[in-house]
Protein backbone atom coordinates (compact mmCIF):
# COMPACT_ATOMS: atom_id res chain seq x y z
CA MET A 1 20.98 5.55 6.43
CA PHE A 2 20.07 8.77 8.26
CA GLY A 3 22.08 7.65 11.27
CA LYS A 4 20.52 4.19 11.53
CA LYS A 5 21.62 0.79 10.26
CA LEU A 6 19.52 -0.97 7.63
CA GLY A 7 18.87 -3.75 10.13
CA GLU A 8 17.15 -1.29 12.46
CA TYR A 9 14.67 -0.34 9.75
CA PHE A 10 13.98 -3.98 8.90
CA ARG A 11 13.48 -4.93 12.55
CA PHE A 12 11.12 -1.99 13.07
CA GLU A 13 8.76 -3.10 10.29
CA ARG A 14 9.62 -6.78 9.91
CA TRP A 15 6.03 -7.91 10.49
CA ILE A 16 4.88 -5.70 7.61
CA LEU A 17 7.54 -7.09 5.26
CA ILE A 18 6.65 -10.66 6.26
CA LEU A 19 2.96 -9.92 5.69
CA ILE A 20 3.75 -8.50 2.24
CA VAL A 21 5.55 -11.71 1.22
CA VAL A 22 2.76 -13.91 2.62
CA VAL A 23 0.00 -11.94 0.89
CA PHE A 24 1.95 -11.89 -2.38
CA ALA A 25 2.48 -15.66 -2.27
CA LEU A 26 -1.18 -16.24 -1.42
CA ARG A 27 -2.42 -13.89 -4.15
CA LEU A 28 -0.14 -15.38 -6.80
CA GLY A 29 -0.86 -18.92 -5.63
CA LEU A 30 -4.63 -18.43 -5.81
CA SER A 31 -4.24 -16.95 -9.26
CA LEU A 32 -2.06 -19.78 -10.59
CA ALA A 33 -4.45 -22.32 -9.08
CA GLY A 34 -7.27 -20.79 -11.10
CA VAL A 35 -9.19 -19.62 -8.05
CA SER A 36 -9.33 -16.12 -9.50
CA LYS A 37 -11.19 -17.23 -12.62
CA PRO A 38 -14.72 -18.10 -11.43
CA GLU A 39 -17.02 -15.19 -10.71
CA LEU A 40 -20.25 -15.50 -8.77
CA PRO A 41 -23.17 -13.51 -10.20
CA VAL A 42 -25.29 -11.53 -7.76
CA MET A 43 -28.63 -10.03 -8.75
CA THR A 44 -29.03 -6.32 -8.00
CA ARG A 45 -31.36 -3.56 -9.13
CA THR A 46 -28.84 -2.35 -11.68
CA GLY A 47 -28.09 -5.68 -13.32
CA ILE A 48 -25.93 -8.67 -12.56
CA PRO A 49 -22.53 -7.65 -11.20
CA THR A 50 -20.07 -10.14 -9.82
CA ILE A 51 -18.57 -10.83 -6.45
CA PRO A 52 -14.86 -10.06 -6.67
CA LYS A 53 -12.75 -13.02 -7.68
CA ALA A 54 -11.24 -15.00 -4.83
CA ALA A 55 -7.73 -13.62 -5.37
CA GLU A 56 -9.11 -10.07 -5.26
CA TRP A 57 -9.83 -10.38 -1.56
CA VAL A 58 -6.07 -10.66 -0.94
CA SER A 59 -4.73 -7.16 -1.55
CA LEU A 60 -1.11 -6.03 -1.48
CA ASN A 61 -2.24 -2.41 -1.68
CA LEU A 62 -4.22 -2.88 1.50
CA VAL A 63 -1.13 -4.26 3.24
CA LEU A 64 0.84 -1.25 2.01
CA LEU A 65 -1.84 1.07 3.37
CA VAL A 66 -1.66 -0.60 6.78
CA GLY A 67 2.12 -0.30 6.64
CA ILE A 68 1.95 3.39 5.79
CA LEU A 69 -0.46 4.14 8.64
CA TYR A 70 1.49 2.02 11.11
CA CYS A 71 4.88 3.56 10.32
CA ALA A 72 3.52 7.11 10.24
CA ILE A 73 2.22 6.69 13.78
CA ALA A 74 4.78 4.26 15.26
CA VAL A 75 7.83 6.31 14.20
CA GLN A 76 6.73 8.91 16.74
CA ALA A 77 4.97 6.66 19.26
CA ARG A 78 7.97 4.32 19.57
CA GLY A 79 10.56 7.07 19.37
CA PHE A 80 12.16 5.63 16.24
CA GLY A 81 12.86 8.91 14.51
CA THR A 82 11.41 11.69 12.39
CA TYR A 83 10.30 12.35 8.81
CA LYS A 84 13.65 11.37 7.34
CA HIS A 85 13.45 7.97 9.07
CA LEU A 86 9.91 7.45 7.81
CA PHE A 87 10.97 7.50 4.16
CA PRO A 88 13.33 4.46 4.28
CA LEU A 89 10.62 2.45 6.03
CA LEU A 90 8.16 3.23 3.23
CA LEU A 91 10.86 2.69 0.62
CA PHE A 92 11.56 -0.85 1.86
CA GLN A 93 7.83 -1.70 1.94
CA THR A 94 7.10 -0.28 -1.49
CA THR A 95 10.22 -1.74 -3.09
CA THR A 96 9.43 -5.19 -1.69
CA VAL A 97 5.90 -5.08 -3.10
CA HIS A 98 6.80 -3.79 -6.54
CA TRP A 99 9.82 -6.06 -6.98
CA LEU A 100 7.69 -9.08 -6.09
CA VAL A 101 5.02 -7.92 -8.54
CA GLY A 102 7.72 -7.39 -11.17
CA MET A 103 8.92 -10.97 -10.67
CA ALA A 104 5.35 -12.26 -10.99
CA ILE A 105 5.02 -10.39 -14.29
CA ILE A 106 8.32 -11.87 -15.49
CA LEU A 107 6.99 -15.30 -14.49
CA GLY A 108 3.94 -14.65 -16.66
CA ILE A 109 6.11 -13.52 -19.59
CA VAL A 110 8.40 -16.56 -19.35
CA THR A 111 5.53 -19.05 -19.03
CA GLY A 112 3.25 -17.24 -21.47
CA HIS A 113 0.32 -17.38 -19.03
CA ASN A 114 -1.43 -14.48 -17.34
CA ASN A 115 -1.67 -14.32 -13.58
CA VAL A 116 -3.42 -11.87 -11.28
CA PHE A 117 -0.59 -9.33 -11.72
CA THR A 118 -0.71 -9.34 -15.53
CA ALA A 119 -4.49 -9.41 -15.91
CA LEU A 120 -5.97 -6.49 -17.85
CA GLU A 121 -8.08 -5.25 -14.90
CA HIS A 122 -4.85 -4.67 -12.95
CA CYS A 123 -2.90 -3.19 -15.82
CA GLY A 124 -4.94 -0.41 -17.35
CA ALA A 125 -1.78 1.38 -18.52
CA CYS A 126 -0.54 -1.75 -20.28
CA GLY A 127 -3.22 -1.86 -22.93
CA ALA A 128 -4.51 -5.29 -23.84
CA ASP A 129 -1.48 -7.22 -22.67
CA GLY A 130 0.10 -7.18 -19.21
CA LEU A 131 2.76 -9.66 -20.33
CA LYS A 132 5.28 -7.00 -21.27
CA TRP A 133 8.84 -6.47 -20.14
CA SER A 134 8.12 -2.75 -19.85
CA HIS A 135 5.36 -3.57 -17.37
CA ALA A 136 7.74 -5.60 -15.19
CA LEU A 137 10.51 -3.02 -15.51
CA GLY A 138 8.10 -0.23 -14.58
CA HIS A 139 7.29 -1.89 -11.25
CA ILE A 140 10.95 -2.57 -10.48
CA VAL A 141 12.33 0.84 -11.47
CA MET A 142 9.48 3.07 -10.28
CA ALA A 143 9.33 1.69 -6.71
CA PRO A 144 11.27 4.64 -5.19
CA LEU A 145 8.88 7.12 -6.83
CA PHE A 146 5.87 5.25 -5.40
CA ALA A 147 7.57 5.36 -1.99
CA LEU A 148 8.07 9.12 -2.31
CA ILE A 149 4.39 9.56 -3.19
CA SER A 150 3.30 7.53 -0.15
CA TRP A 151 5.74 9.48 2.05
CA LEU A 152 3.76 12.70 1.54
CA PRO A 153 0.47 11.62 3.21
CA ALA A 154 2.44 9.56 5.73
CA SER A 155 4.37 12.70 6.69
CA ALA A 156 1.09 14.55 7.19
CA ILE A 157 -0.09 11.79 9.54
CA LEU A 158 3.25 11.91 11.38
CA PHE A 159 2.93 15.69 11.65
CA VAL A 160 -0.39 15.31 13.43
CA THR A 161 0.82 12.38 15.53
CA ARG A 162 3.74 14.44 16.84
CA ARG A 163 1.31 17.06 18.09
CA VAL A 164 -1.35 14.81 19.57
CA GLN A 165 0.07 14.40 23.06
CA PRO A 166 -1.44 14.70 26.53
CA GLY A 167 -2.63 18.26 26.85
CA ALA A 168 -2.34 18.91 23.12
CA PHE A 169 -5.86 20.32 22.98
CA LYS A 170 -5.48 22.75 25.83
CA GLY A 171 -5.17 26.45 25.23
CA PRO A 172 -7.18 29.20 23.51
CA LEU A 173 -10.37 28.11 21.75
CA VAL A 174 -9.07 29.23 18.35
CA VAL A 175 -5.99 27.01 18.70
CA VAL A 176 -8.08 24.04 19.83
CA LEU A 177 -10.47 24.44 16.89
CA ALA A 178 -7.55 24.72 14.47
CA LYS A 179 -6.12 21.46 15.76
CA PHE A 180 -9.46 19.70 15.44
CA VAL A 181 -9.84 20.98 11.87
CA ALA A 182 -6.35 19.70 11.03
CA LEU A 183 -7.14 16.28 12.51
CA ALA A 184 -10.46 16.13 10.67
CA ALA A 185 -8.73 17.00 7.38
CA ILE A 186 -6.16 14.23 7.91
CA ALA A 187 -8.92 11.77 8.81
CA VAL A 188 -10.94 12.62 5.67
CA ALA A 189 -7.83 12.45 3.46
CA SER A 190 -6.91 9.08 4.96
CA LEU A 191 -10.45 7.79 4.38
CA VAL A 192 -10.37 8.91 0.75
CA LEU A 193 -6.94 7.27 0.33
CA ILE A 194 -8.22 4.03 1.86
CA LEU A 195 -11.32 3.94 -0.34
CA GLY A 196 -9.27 4.73 -3.44
CA ILE A 197 -6.74 2.00 -2.76
CA VAL A 198 -9.39 -0.58 -1.93
CA ARG A 199 -11.39 0.39 -5.04
CA PHE A 200 -8.46 0.09 -7.45
CA SER A 201 -6.44 -2.67 -5.77
């Protein structure tokens, strides 16, 4: 694919793929063990919210975010390739996550019991019931689209990474300021992306 063997892509990001499987197993295991059910009330000025359930601290979206940031920087830093090589890396990550989630949803459908991946708070588009074949199929079929969406901000990060080299900020003041503005924009966009993923994961 794009002049590289599939094995090269897997070796490049194997620790991310392993982490995805471990976090998935831990998240599903905590859910099936009932650890995700109890909620601990905490008094605040606005009422009594709850500490996130135990399984909520284990986030696949957060792992994906780390993977996106790592690949976007490491593709250039390690001389692995360019934008076209970044997409397969993100595709493998995203597909692994969504296929595992799809299997967890199928497990819930077959057993008739909700788990953390079929719970209503994680399936706003599913209505009142996350135990639907369309829900599982959506995760399995839409994985490439999710990868394409993540490739866009990752490409922006790669774009900046390719230009941040020794001496990159030398030259006329206008050019230096333009580069700093571009970096600041990427940093703010990344922060917003991180907060959004953590908030909704």
